[in-house]
């Protein structure tokens, strides 16, 4: 599956629920090439419902950040390289043991 951008909070939350084994990349809304962070879809730092909180889902997709989603980490990483992102990294919370 080619990574795709979730367009709004409800689409994003729906994708998270349907894909508990998936991956999300958090990028700056400006698509700055130096900010590209890969998360597991279960990561508390990118979920509006984490830790019993019920945050506005639009805050995760409509403000300072955009979310692209995929079934695998490699799909996101390969896409990021192809799109010119220069600093691709894994989340320090959910991906500590990964590449």
Protein backbone atom coordinates (compact mmCIF):
# COMPACT_ATOMS: atom_id res chain seq x y z
CA UNK A 1 0.00 0.00 0.00
CA UNK A 2 1.29 3.44 -0.88
CA UNK A 3 1.26 5.77 2.14
CA UNK A 4 -1.57 8.24 2.06
CA UNK A 5 -2.50 11.36 3.98
CA UNK A 6 -5.49 11.32 6.26
CA UNK A 7 -7.46 14.45 5.43
CA UNK A 8 -9.22 15.09 8.73
CA UNK A 9 -9.47 13.93 12.31
CA UNK A 10 -12.31 11.48 11.83
CA UNK A 11 -10.58 9.75 8.90
CA UNK A 12 -7.36 9.60 10.94
CA UNK A 13 -9.00 8.12 14.04
CA UNK A 14 -10.94 5.63 11.91
CA UNK A 15 -7.70 4.48 10.26
CA UNK A 16 -5.99 4.06 13.67
CA UNK A 17 -8.85 1.89 14.92
CA UNK A 18 -8.91 -0.26 11.77
CA UNK A 19 -5.11 -0.67 11.64
CA UNK A 20 -3.69 -1.47 15.10
CA UNK A 21 -0.58 -2.97 13.47
CA UNK A 22 -0.04 -0.05 11.10
CA UNK A 23 2.33 2.89 11.10
CA UNK A 24 1.92 6.66 11.02
CA UNK A 25 4.40 9.32 10.02
CA UNK A 26 4.08 12.72 11.61
CA UNK A 27 5.35 15.56 9.42
CA UNK A 28 5.22 19.32 9.77
CA UNK A 29 2.25 20.95 8.05
CA UNK A 30 4.78 22.79 5.87
CA UNK A 31 6.33 19.43 4.82
CA UNK A 32 9.70 20.56 6.14
CA UNK A 33 12.26 17.98 4.94
CA UNK A 34 13.88 17.87 8.38
CA UNK A 35 10.85 16.60 10.35
CA UNK A 36 9.64 13.05 9.70
CA UNK A 37 8.82 10.85 12.71
CA UNK A 38 7.52 7.28 12.32
CA UNK A 39 5.15 5.90 14.96
CA UNK A 40 3.24 2.69 15.54
CA UNK A 41 -0.48 3.33 15.15
CA UNK A 42 -0.90 2.50 18.85
CA UNK A 43 1.54 5.20 20.04
CA UNK A 44 0.12 7.37 22.81
CA UNK A 45 1.79 10.49 21.37
CA UNK A 46 -0.29 10.46 18.17
CA UNK A 47 -3.65 9.21 19.46
CA UNK A 48 -6.44 11.57 20.50
CA UNK A 49 -7.75 8.91 22.91
CA UNK A 50 -4.46 8.09 24.66
CA UNK A 51 -4.24 7.85 28.43
CA UNK A 52 -7.97 8.36 28.88
CA UNK A 53 -7.81 11.77 27.26
CA UNK A 54 -10.34 12.73 24.63
CA UNK A 55 -8.56 15.37 22.61
CA UNK A 56 -9.90 17.02 19.49
CA UNK A 57 -8.96 14.67 16.61
CA UNK A 58 -8.63 17.66 14.27
CA UNK A 59 -5.68 18.85 16.37
CA UNK A 60 -3.74 15.86 15.04
CA UNK A 61 -4.35 16.55 11.34
CA UNK A 62 -5.42 20.15 10.79
CA UNK A 63 -2.94 22.30 12.70
CA UNK A 64 0.85 22.08 12.94
CA UNK A 65 1.19 18.49 11.74
CA UNK A 66 0.00 16.22 8.97
CA UNK A 67 -0.32 12.43 9.16
CA UNK A 68 0.51 9.89 6.48
CA UNK A 69 -0.34 6.26 7.15
CA UNK A 70 0.77 2.87 5.83
CA UNK A 71 0.72 -0.80 6.68
CA UNK A 72 4.50 -1.04 7.19
CA UNK A 73 7.32 1.06 8.50
CA UNK A 74 9.34 0.40 5.33
CA UNK A 75 6.57 1.82 3.14
CA UNK A 76 6.71 5.09 5.09
CA UNK A 77 10.50 5.18 5.18
CA UNK A 78 10.83 4.52 1.42
CA UNK A 79 8.17 7.13 0.67
CA UNK A 80 9.94 9.68 2.87
CA UNK A 81 13.23 9.18 1.05
CA UNK A 82 11.51 9.44 -2.35
CA UNK A 83 9.75 12.66 -1.25
CA UNK A 84 13.02 14.28 -0.15
CA UNK A 85 12.75 14.13 3.63
CA UNK A 86 16.28 14.40 5.00
CA UNK A 87 15.85 13.54 8.68
CA UNK A 88 13.80 10.37 9.01
CA UNK A 89 13.61 9.02 12.54
CA UNK A 90 11.59 6.70 14.73
CA UNK A 91 9.50 7.80 17.69
CA UNK A 92 11.40 7.57 20.95
CA UNK A 93 8.33 6.24 22.76
CA UNK A 94 6.88 3.49 20.60
CA UNK A 95 9.76 2.53 18.30
CA UNK A 96 12.77 2.36 20.63
CA UNK A 97 13.68 -1.18 19.63
CA UNK A 98 13.23 -0.64 15.89
CA UNK A 99 15.85 0.34 13.24
